N, C-alpha and C. Protein backbone atom coordinates (compact mmCIF):
# COMPACT_ATOMS: atom_id res chain seq x y z
N UNK A 1 -12.48 40.91 -0.77
CA UNK A 1 -11.04 40.80 -0.67
C UNK A 1 -10.43 41.05 -2.05
N UNK A 2 -9.34 41.72 -2.06
CA UNK A 2 -8.63 42.05 -3.29
C UNK A 2 -8.14 40.76 -3.97
N UNK A 3 -8.36 40.60 -5.29
CA UNK A 3 -7.93 39.39 -6.01
C UNK A 3 -6.42 39.14 -5.90
N UNK A 4 -5.65 40.22 -5.76
CA UNK A 4 -4.19 40.04 -5.64
C UNK A 4 -3.84 39.30 -4.35
N UNK A 5 -4.57 39.60 -3.26
CA UNK A 5 -4.31 38.92 -2.00
C UNK A 5 -4.67 37.44 -2.09
N UNK A 6 -5.75 37.14 -2.79
CA UNK A 6 -6.15 35.74 -2.97
C UNK A 6 -5.08 34.98 -3.76
N UNK A 7 -4.59 35.59 -4.82
CA UNK A 7 -3.55 34.96 -5.62
C UNK A 7 -2.28 34.77 -4.81
N UNK A 8 -1.92 35.75 -4.01
CA UNK A 8 -0.73 35.66 -3.17
C UNK A 8 -0.87 34.52 -2.15
N UNK A 9 -2.06 34.38 -1.56
CA UNK A 9 -2.30 33.31 -0.60
C UNK A 9 -2.16 31.94 -1.25
N UNK A 10 -2.69 31.79 -2.45
CA UNK A 10 -2.59 30.51 -3.17
C UNK A 10 -1.13 30.20 -3.49
N UNK A 11 -0.39 31.20 -3.94
CA UNK A 11 1.03 30.98 -4.25
C UNK A 11 1.84 30.61 -3.02
N UNK A 12 1.56 31.26 -1.90
CA UNK A 12 2.28 30.95 -0.66
C UNK A 12 1.96 29.55 -0.16
N UNK A 13 0.69 29.16 -0.24
CA UNK A 13 0.32 27.81 0.18
C UNK A 13 0.93 26.76 -0.74
N UNK A 14 0.99 27.05 -2.03
CA UNK A 14 1.61 26.12 -2.97
C UNK A 14 3.09 25.97 -2.72
N UNK A 15 3.74 27.03 -2.25
CA UNK A 15 5.17 26.97 -1.95
C UNK A 15 5.45 26.09 -0.74
N UNK A 16 4.46 25.89 0.12
CA UNK A 16 4.64 25.06 1.30
C UNK A 16 4.64 23.56 0.97
N UNK A 17 4.11 23.21 -0.18
CA UNK A 17 4.05 21.79 -0.55
C UNK A 17 5.45 21.30 -0.89
N UNK A 18 5.84 20.21 -0.28
CA UNK A 18 7.16 19.66 -0.53
C UNK A 18 7.13 18.65 -1.66
N UNK A 19 8.26 18.05 -1.92
CA UNK A 19 8.30 17.03 -2.96
C UNK A 19 7.50 15.81 -2.52
N UNK A 20 7.04 14.99 -3.46
CA UNK A 20 6.26 13.82 -3.08
C UNK A 20 7.11 12.84 -2.27
N UNK A 21 6.47 12.14 -1.36
CA UNK A 21 7.18 11.12 -0.58
C UNK A 21 7.61 10.00 -1.52
N UNK A 22 8.81 9.46 -1.32
CA UNK A 22 9.23 8.38 -2.22
C UNK A 22 8.44 7.09 -2.03
N UNK A 23 7.88 6.87 -0.83
CA UNK A 23 7.14 5.64 -0.57
C UNK A 23 6.00 5.91 0.40
N UNK A 24 4.80 5.51 0.00
CA UNK A 24 3.61 5.63 0.85
C UNK A 24 2.97 4.25 0.93
N UNK A 25 2.59 3.84 2.14
CA UNK A 25 1.96 2.53 2.34
C UNK A 25 0.54 2.76 2.84
N UNK A 26 -0.42 2.18 2.13
CA UNK A 26 -1.83 2.23 2.55
C UNK A 26 -2.26 0.82 2.88
N UNK A 27 -2.94 0.67 4.01
CA UNK A 27 -3.37 -0.65 4.47
C UNK A 27 -4.89 -0.73 4.50
N UNK A 28 -5.40 -1.92 4.22
CA UNK A 28 -6.83 -2.16 4.35
C UNK A 28 -7.05 -3.60 4.75
N UNK A 29 -7.88 -3.82 5.75
CA UNK A 29 -8.21 -5.18 6.17
C UNK A 29 -9.68 -5.44 5.86
N UNK A 30 -9.90 -6.45 5.03
CA UNK A 30 -11.25 -6.88 4.67
C UNK A 30 -11.64 -7.99 5.62
N UNK A 31 -12.53 -7.68 6.57
CA UNK A 31 -12.84 -8.62 7.65
C UNK A 31 -14.09 -9.44 7.41
N UNK A 32 -15.03 -8.91 6.65
CA UNK A 32 -16.26 -9.67 6.40
C UNK A 32 -16.74 -9.43 4.98
N UNK A 33 -17.65 -10.29 4.53
CA UNK A 33 -18.10 -10.26 3.14
C UNK A 33 -19.43 -9.55 2.95
N UNK A 34 -20.00 -9.10 4.02
CA UNK A 34 -21.34 -8.54 3.95
C UNK A 34 -21.28 -7.02 3.86
N UNK A 35 -21.95 -6.43 2.85
CA UNK A 35 -22.00 -4.97 2.79
C UNK A 35 -22.70 -4.44 4.04
N UNK A 36 -22.10 -3.45 4.65
CA UNK A 36 -22.63 -2.92 5.89
C UNK A 36 -22.94 -1.45 5.72
N UNK A 37 -24.15 -1.05 5.98
CA UNK A 37 -24.55 0.35 5.82
C UNK A 37 -24.05 1.21 6.98
N UNK A 38 -23.52 0.59 8.03
CA UNK A 38 -23.03 1.34 9.19
C UNK A 38 -21.60 1.81 8.97
N UNK A 39 -20.86 1.16 8.04
CA UNK A 39 -19.47 1.54 7.77
C UNK A 39 -19.40 2.97 7.25
N UNK A 40 -18.24 3.58 7.43
CA UNK A 40 -17.96 4.87 6.82
C UNK A 40 -18.07 4.71 5.30
N UNK A 41 -18.48 5.73 4.58
CA UNK A 41 -18.62 5.61 3.12
C UNK A 41 -17.34 5.13 2.42
N UNK A 42 -16.18 5.61 2.85
CA UNK A 42 -14.94 5.21 2.19
C UNK A 42 -14.62 3.74 2.46
N UNK A 43 -14.91 3.28 3.67
CA UNK A 43 -14.68 1.87 4.01
C UNK A 43 -15.63 0.99 3.22
N UNK A 44 -16.86 1.42 3.13
CA UNK A 44 -17.86 0.68 2.37
C UNK A 44 -17.47 0.58 0.89
N UNK A 45 -16.98 1.67 0.32
CA UNK A 45 -16.55 1.69 -1.07
C UNK A 45 -15.35 0.76 -1.27
N UNK A 46 -14.39 0.82 -0.37
CA UNK A 46 -13.21 -0.03 -0.48
C UNK A 46 -13.58 -1.51 -0.36
N UNK A 47 -14.51 -1.81 0.52
CA UNK A 47 -14.98 -3.19 0.68
C UNK A 47 -15.63 -3.68 -0.61
N UNK A 48 -16.51 -2.84 -1.21
CA UNK A 48 -17.15 -3.28 -2.46
C UNK A 48 -16.15 -3.40 -3.59
N UNK A 49 -15.13 -2.56 -3.61
CA UNK A 49 -14.10 -2.65 -4.65
C UNK A 49 -13.33 -3.97 -4.53
N UNK A 50 -13.01 -4.36 -3.31
CA UNK A 50 -12.25 -5.60 -3.09
C UNK A 50 -13.10 -6.85 -3.40
N UNK A 51 -14.40 -6.75 -3.20
CA UNK A 51 -15.28 -7.90 -3.43
C UNK A 51 -15.87 -7.94 -4.84
N UNK A 52 -15.63 -6.91 -5.63
CA UNK A 52 -16.21 -6.84 -6.99
C UNK A 52 -15.81 -8.06 -7.81
N UNK A 53 -16.79 -8.68 -8.43
CA UNK A 53 -16.54 -9.84 -9.28
C UNK A 53 -16.61 -11.17 -8.56
N UNK A 54 -16.59 -11.16 -7.25
CA UNK A 54 -16.69 -12.40 -6.48
C UNK A 54 -18.17 -12.72 -6.32
N UNK A 55 -18.62 -13.79 -6.97
CA UNK A 55 -20.04 -14.10 -7.00
C UNK A 55 -20.43 -15.03 -5.86
N UNK A 56 -19.75 -16.13 -5.73
CA UNK A 56 -20.14 -17.11 -4.69
C UNK A 56 -19.58 -16.69 -3.33
N UNK A 57 -20.15 -17.27 -2.29
CA UNK A 57 -19.67 -16.99 -0.94
C UNK A 57 -18.23 -17.47 -0.78
N UNK A 58 -17.85 -18.55 -1.45
CA UNK A 58 -16.48 -19.06 -1.38
C UNK A 58 -15.50 -18.06 -2.01
N UNK A 59 -15.88 -17.48 -3.16
CA UNK A 59 -15.04 -16.48 -3.81
C UNK A 59 -14.89 -15.26 -2.91
N UNK A 60 -15.97 -14.85 -2.28
CA UNK A 60 -15.94 -13.69 -1.38
C UNK A 60 -15.07 -13.99 -0.16
N UNK A 61 -15.20 -15.20 0.37
CA UNK A 61 -14.40 -15.60 1.54
C UNK A 61 -12.91 -15.58 1.21
N UNK A 62 -12.56 -16.00 0.00
CA UNK A 62 -11.15 -16.03 -0.41
C UNK A 62 -10.54 -14.65 -0.60
N UNK A 63 -11.34 -13.62 -0.58
CA UNK A 63 -10.83 -12.25 -0.70
C UNK A 63 -10.66 -11.59 0.66
N UNK A 64 -11.08 -12.25 1.72
CA UNK A 64 -10.90 -11.70 3.06
C UNK A 64 -9.42 -11.73 3.42
N UNK A 65 -8.96 -10.71 4.11
CA UNK A 65 -7.56 -10.65 4.52
C UNK A 65 -7.06 -9.22 4.56
N UNK A 66 -5.76 -9.08 4.37
CA UNK A 66 -5.12 -7.78 4.47
C UNK A 66 -4.48 -7.38 3.14
N UNK A 67 -4.68 -6.12 2.79
CA UNK A 67 -4.18 -5.56 1.54
C UNK A 67 -3.24 -4.40 1.85
N UNK A 68 -2.12 -4.36 1.14
CA UNK A 68 -1.15 -3.29 1.28
C UNK A 68 -0.91 -2.69 -0.10
N UNK A 69 -1.16 -1.41 -0.24
CA UNK A 69 -0.92 -0.70 -1.49
C UNK A 69 0.29 0.20 -1.28
N UNK A 70 1.33 -0.02 -2.09
CA UNK A 70 2.55 0.77 -2.00
C UNK A 70 2.58 1.72 -3.20
N UNK A 71 2.66 3.01 -2.90
CA UNK A 71 2.72 4.04 -3.94
C UNK A 71 4.12 4.63 -3.87
N UNK A 72 4.83 4.61 -4.98
CA UNK A 72 6.22 5.05 -4.97
C UNK A 72 6.50 6.11 -6.02
N UNK A 73 7.55 6.91 -5.76
CA UNK A 73 7.95 7.97 -6.66
C UNK A 73 9.47 8.13 -6.56
N UNK A 74 10.17 7.86 -7.67
CA UNK A 74 11.62 8.03 -7.71
C UNK A 74 12.01 8.59 -9.07
N UNK A 75 11.57 9.80 -9.34
CA UNK A 75 11.82 10.43 -10.64
C UNK A 75 13.31 10.72 -10.85
N UNK A 76 14.04 10.96 -9.76
CA UNK A 76 15.47 11.28 -9.89
C UNK A 76 16.32 10.07 -10.28
N UNK A 77 15.81 8.87 -10.06
CA UNK A 77 16.61 7.68 -10.32
C UNK A 77 16.29 6.98 -11.63
N UNK A 78 15.47 7.58 -12.47
CA UNK A 78 15.07 6.92 -13.72
C UNK A 78 16.30 6.51 -14.52
N UNK A 79 16.31 5.26 -14.94
CA UNK A 79 17.41 4.74 -15.75
C UNK A 79 18.58 4.19 -14.96
N UNK A 80 18.53 4.27 -13.64
CA UNK A 80 19.66 3.83 -12.81
C UNK A 80 19.47 2.42 -12.26
N UNK A 81 18.59 1.66 -12.84
CA UNK A 81 18.38 0.28 -12.40
C UNK A 81 16.91 -0.04 -12.24
N UNK A 82 16.63 -1.33 -12.23
CA UNK A 82 15.26 -1.81 -12.06
C UNK A 82 14.73 -1.44 -10.68
N UNK A 83 13.44 -1.11 -10.61
CA UNK A 83 12.81 -0.77 -9.34
C UNK A 83 12.22 -2.02 -8.72
N UNK A 84 12.43 -2.19 -7.43
CA UNK A 84 11.83 -3.30 -6.69
C UNK A 84 11.10 -2.75 -5.47
N UNK A 85 9.87 -3.19 -5.30
CA UNK A 85 9.12 -2.93 -4.09
C UNK A 85 9.08 -4.25 -3.33
N UNK A 86 9.52 -4.21 -2.09
CA UNK A 86 9.62 -5.43 -1.28
C UNK A 86 8.76 -5.25 -0.03
N UNK A 87 7.87 -6.21 0.20
CA UNK A 87 7.08 -6.23 1.42
C UNK A 87 7.51 -7.45 2.22
N UNK A 88 8.05 -7.21 3.41
CA UNK A 88 8.40 -8.29 4.33
C UNK A 88 7.38 -8.23 5.46
N UNK A 89 6.96 -9.40 5.94
CA UNK A 89 5.93 -9.40 6.98
C UNK A 89 5.98 -10.69 7.79
N UNK A 90 5.40 -10.61 8.99
CA UNK A 90 5.25 -11.76 9.86
C UNK A 90 3.79 -11.90 10.21
N UNK A 91 3.31 -13.15 10.19
CA UNK A 91 1.92 -13.43 10.51
C UNK A 91 1.83 -14.09 11.89
N UNK A 92 0.66 -14.00 12.48
CA UNK A 92 0.44 -14.54 13.81
C UNK A 92 0.69 -16.03 13.93
N UNK A 93 0.40 -16.82 12.91
CA UNK A 93 0.52 -18.26 13.00
C UNK A 93 1.83 -18.83 12.49
N UNK A 94 2.78 -17.96 12.09
CA UNK A 94 4.03 -18.47 11.53
C UNK A 94 5.23 -18.18 12.43
N UNK A 95 4.98 -17.85 13.67
CA UNK A 95 6.05 -17.56 14.65
C UNK A 95 6.96 -16.46 14.12
N UNK A 96 8.26 -16.68 14.08
CA UNK A 96 9.20 -15.62 13.70
C UNK A 96 9.57 -15.66 12.21
N UNK A 97 8.89 -16.48 11.42
CA UNK A 97 9.17 -16.57 9.99
C UNK A 97 8.84 -15.25 9.31
N UNK A 98 9.83 -14.69 8.59
CA UNK A 98 9.61 -13.46 7.83
C UNK A 98 9.33 -13.84 6.39
N UNK A 99 8.13 -13.52 5.92
CA UNK A 99 7.75 -13.77 4.54
C UNK A 99 8.07 -12.53 3.71
N UNK A 100 8.16 -12.73 2.39
CA UNK A 100 8.60 -11.64 1.52
C UNK A 100 7.85 -11.72 0.19
N UNK A 101 7.37 -10.57 -0.28
CA UNK A 101 6.77 -10.45 -1.60
C UNK A 101 7.51 -9.33 -2.33
N UNK A 102 7.70 -9.50 -3.64
CA UNK A 102 8.44 -8.52 -4.43
C UNK A 102 7.68 -8.20 -5.71
N UNK A 103 7.66 -6.93 -6.08
CA UNK A 103 7.14 -6.49 -7.38
C UNK A 103 8.24 -5.69 -8.05
N UNK A 104 8.45 -5.93 -9.33
CA UNK A 104 9.52 -5.25 -10.08
C UNK A 104 8.94 -4.38 -11.18
N UNK A 105 9.66 -3.29 -11.47
CA UNK A 105 9.29 -2.36 -12.53
C UNK A 105 10.54 -2.04 -13.35
N UNK A 106 10.38 -1.74 -14.64
CA UNK A 106 11.55 -1.41 -15.49
C UNK A 106 12.27 -0.16 -14.99
N UNK A 107 13.55 -0.04 -15.35
CA UNK A 107 14.38 1.09 -14.93
C UNK A 107 13.85 2.43 -15.43
N UNK A 108 13.08 2.41 -16.51
CA UNK A 108 12.56 3.66 -17.10
C UNK A 108 11.31 4.19 -16.39
N UNK A 109 10.80 3.45 -15.40
CA UNK A 109 9.57 3.85 -14.72
C UNK A 109 9.88 4.84 -13.59
N UNK A 110 9.28 6.05 -13.63
CA UNK A 110 9.57 7.05 -12.60
C UNK A 110 8.74 6.90 -11.32
N UNK A 111 7.54 6.33 -11.44
CA UNK A 111 6.67 6.19 -10.28
C UNK A 111 5.65 5.09 -10.56
N UNK A 112 4.91 4.71 -9.52
CA UNK A 112 3.91 3.66 -9.73
C UNK A 112 3.24 3.23 -8.46
N UNK A 113 2.49 2.14 -8.60
CA UNK A 113 1.71 1.62 -7.49
C UNK A 113 1.69 0.11 -7.61
N UNK A 114 1.80 -0.57 -6.47
CA UNK A 114 1.74 -2.03 -6.45
C UNK A 114 0.91 -2.46 -5.25
N UNK A 115 0.19 -3.55 -5.44
CA UNK A 115 -0.65 -4.06 -4.36
C UNK A 115 -0.16 -5.43 -3.93
N UNK A 116 -0.11 -5.61 -2.62
CA UNK A 116 0.26 -6.89 -2.03
C UNK A 116 -0.94 -7.34 -1.19
N UNK A 117 -1.29 -8.62 -1.31
CA UNK A 117 -2.46 -9.12 -0.59
C UNK A 117 -2.12 -10.40 0.16
N UNK A 118 -2.47 -10.43 1.42
CA UNK A 118 -2.36 -11.63 2.24
C UNK A 118 -3.81 -12.02 2.50
N UNK A 119 -4.32 -12.92 1.65
CA UNK A 119 -5.75 -13.23 1.66
C UNK A 119 -5.98 -14.73 1.52
N UNK A 120 -7.22 -15.12 1.60
CA UNK A 120 -7.61 -16.51 1.37
C UNK A 120 -7.00 -17.47 2.36
N UNK A 121 -6.58 -18.63 1.87
CA UNK A 121 -6.05 -19.68 2.74
C UNK A 121 -4.84 -19.23 3.53
N UNK A 122 -3.95 -18.45 2.90
CA UNK A 122 -2.77 -17.96 3.61
C UNK A 122 -3.20 -17.16 4.84
N UNK A 123 -4.19 -16.32 4.68
CA UNK A 123 -4.69 -15.50 5.78
C UNK A 123 -5.36 -16.36 6.85
N UNK A 124 -6.20 -17.31 6.43
CA UNK A 124 -6.92 -18.14 7.41
C UNK A 124 -5.99 -19.13 8.11
N UNK A 125 -5.04 -19.67 7.39
CA UNK A 125 -4.13 -20.67 7.96
C UNK A 125 -3.05 -20.04 8.85
N UNK A 126 -2.45 -18.95 8.36
CA UNK A 126 -1.29 -18.37 9.05
C UNK A 126 -1.62 -17.14 9.91
N UNK A 127 -2.85 -16.67 9.86
CA UNK A 127 -3.24 -15.55 10.71
C UNK A 127 -2.99 -14.19 10.09
N UNK A 128 -3.38 -13.17 10.83
CA UNK A 128 -3.22 -11.82 10.31
C UNK A 128 -1.78 -11.35 10.43
N UNK A 129 -1.45 -10.35 9.64
CA UNK A 129 -0.12 -9.77 9.65
C UNK A 129 0.05 -8.98 10.94
N UNK A 130 1.10 -9.30 11.68
CA UNK A 130 1.37 -8.61 12.94
C UNK A 130 2.35 -7.45 12.76
N UNK A 131 3.30 -7.63 11.85
CA UNK A 131 4.31 -6.60 11.63
C UNK A 131 4.78 -6.66 10.18
N UNK A 132 5.18 -5.52 9.61
CA UNK A 132 5.58 -5.47 8.21
C UNK A 132 6.63 -4.38 7.98
N UNK A 133 7.34 -4.53 6.86
CA UNK A 133 8.30 -3.52 6.43
C UNK A 133 8.25 -3.45 4.90
N UNK A 134 8.11 -2.24 4.37
CA UNK A 134 8.08 -2.02 2.93
C UNK A 134 9.36 -1.30 2.51
N UNK A 135 9.97 -1.74 1.42
CA UNK A 135 11.21 -1.15 0.93
C UNK A 135 11.09 -0.84 -0.55
N UNK A 136 11.56 0.35 -0.92
CA UNK A 136 11.67 0.77 -2.31
C UNK A 136 13.15 0.82 -2.64
N UNK A 137 13.56 0.04 -3.65
CA UNK A 137 14.96 0.12 -4.06
C UNK A 137 15.07 0.15 -5.57
N UNK A 138 16.09 0.86 -6.03
CA UNK A 138 16.39 0.95 -7.45
C UNK A 138 17.78 0.39 -7.63
N UNK A 139 17.89 -0.67 -8.46
CA UNK A 139 19.15 -1.39 -8.53
C UNK A 139 19.34 -2.05 -7.17
N UNK A 140 20.47 -1.84 -6.57
CA UNK A 140 20.71 -2.36 -5.22
C UNK A 140 20.65 -1.26 -4.17
N UNK A 141 20.32 -0.04 -4.59
CA UNK A 141 20.27 1.10 -3.67
C UNK A 141 18.89 1.25 -3.06
N UNK A 142 18.82 1.28 -1.73
CA UNK A 142 17.55 1.47 -1.02
C UNK A 142 17.19 2.96 -1.07
N UNK A 143 16.01 3.25 -1.61
CA UNK A 143 15.55 4.64 -1.74
C UNK A 143 14.75 5.06 -0.51
N UNK A 144 13.85 4.17 -0.05
CA UNK A 144 13.01 4.50 1.11
C UNK A 144 12.48 3.23 1.76
N UNK A 145 12.19 3.32 3.04
CA UNK A 145 11.55 2.21 3.76
C UNK A 145 10.47 2.78 4.67
N UNK A 146 9.45 2.00 4.88
CA UNK A 146 8.40 2.29 5.86
C UNK A 146 8.16 0.99 6.60
N UNK A 147 7.82 1.09 7.86
CA UNK A 147 7.58 -0.13 8.62
C UNK A 147 6.54 0.11 9.70
N UNK A 148 5.94 -1.00 10.14
CA UNK A 148 4.97 -0.91 11.22
C UNK A 148 5.72 -0.71 12.53
N UNK A 149 5.00 -0.30 13.52
CA UNK A 149 5.58 0.02 14.82
C UNK A 149 6.32 -1.17 15.43
N UNK A 150 5.81 -2.37 15.27
CA UNK A 150 6.38 -3.56 15.90
C UNK A 150 7.53 -4.21 15.12
N UNK A 151 7.85 -3.70 13.92
CA UNK A 151 8.91 -4.31 13.13
C UNK A 151 10.26 -4.17 13.82
N UNK A 152 11.03 -5.27 13.83
CA UNK A 152 12.38 -5.22 14.46
C UNK A 152 13.42 -5.58 13.46
């Protein structure tokens, strides 16, 4: 194949890529403490990453639960106010109570990543997360939201 055609194909495919999403939510549920060779390699790696450093069975047990990683990008809003990532959620054992976690970043930050964890006693006592909503806001302006199917 002619090298010019290859270059043209790469340029056309690159033109199809859009701007980065302002908010991406990745979820992971750590259900057990035992390394399992049957798991998919990526699941196995994520499980070992979450359990790294936990030596005793009690430490490992306290890491069981649900993890939410929020990846955000708001390059256009730099300097227009502090960034807040807000995770609202409801757990099975807390009825209709909406819990809230917040992470803040300086106004000069264009992008970043924050992790929210519902683990340990909170997870065992109040149950698993049934529904959630993630919000990215700069100052008081909401930039993006993502939510689970059951969120109302």
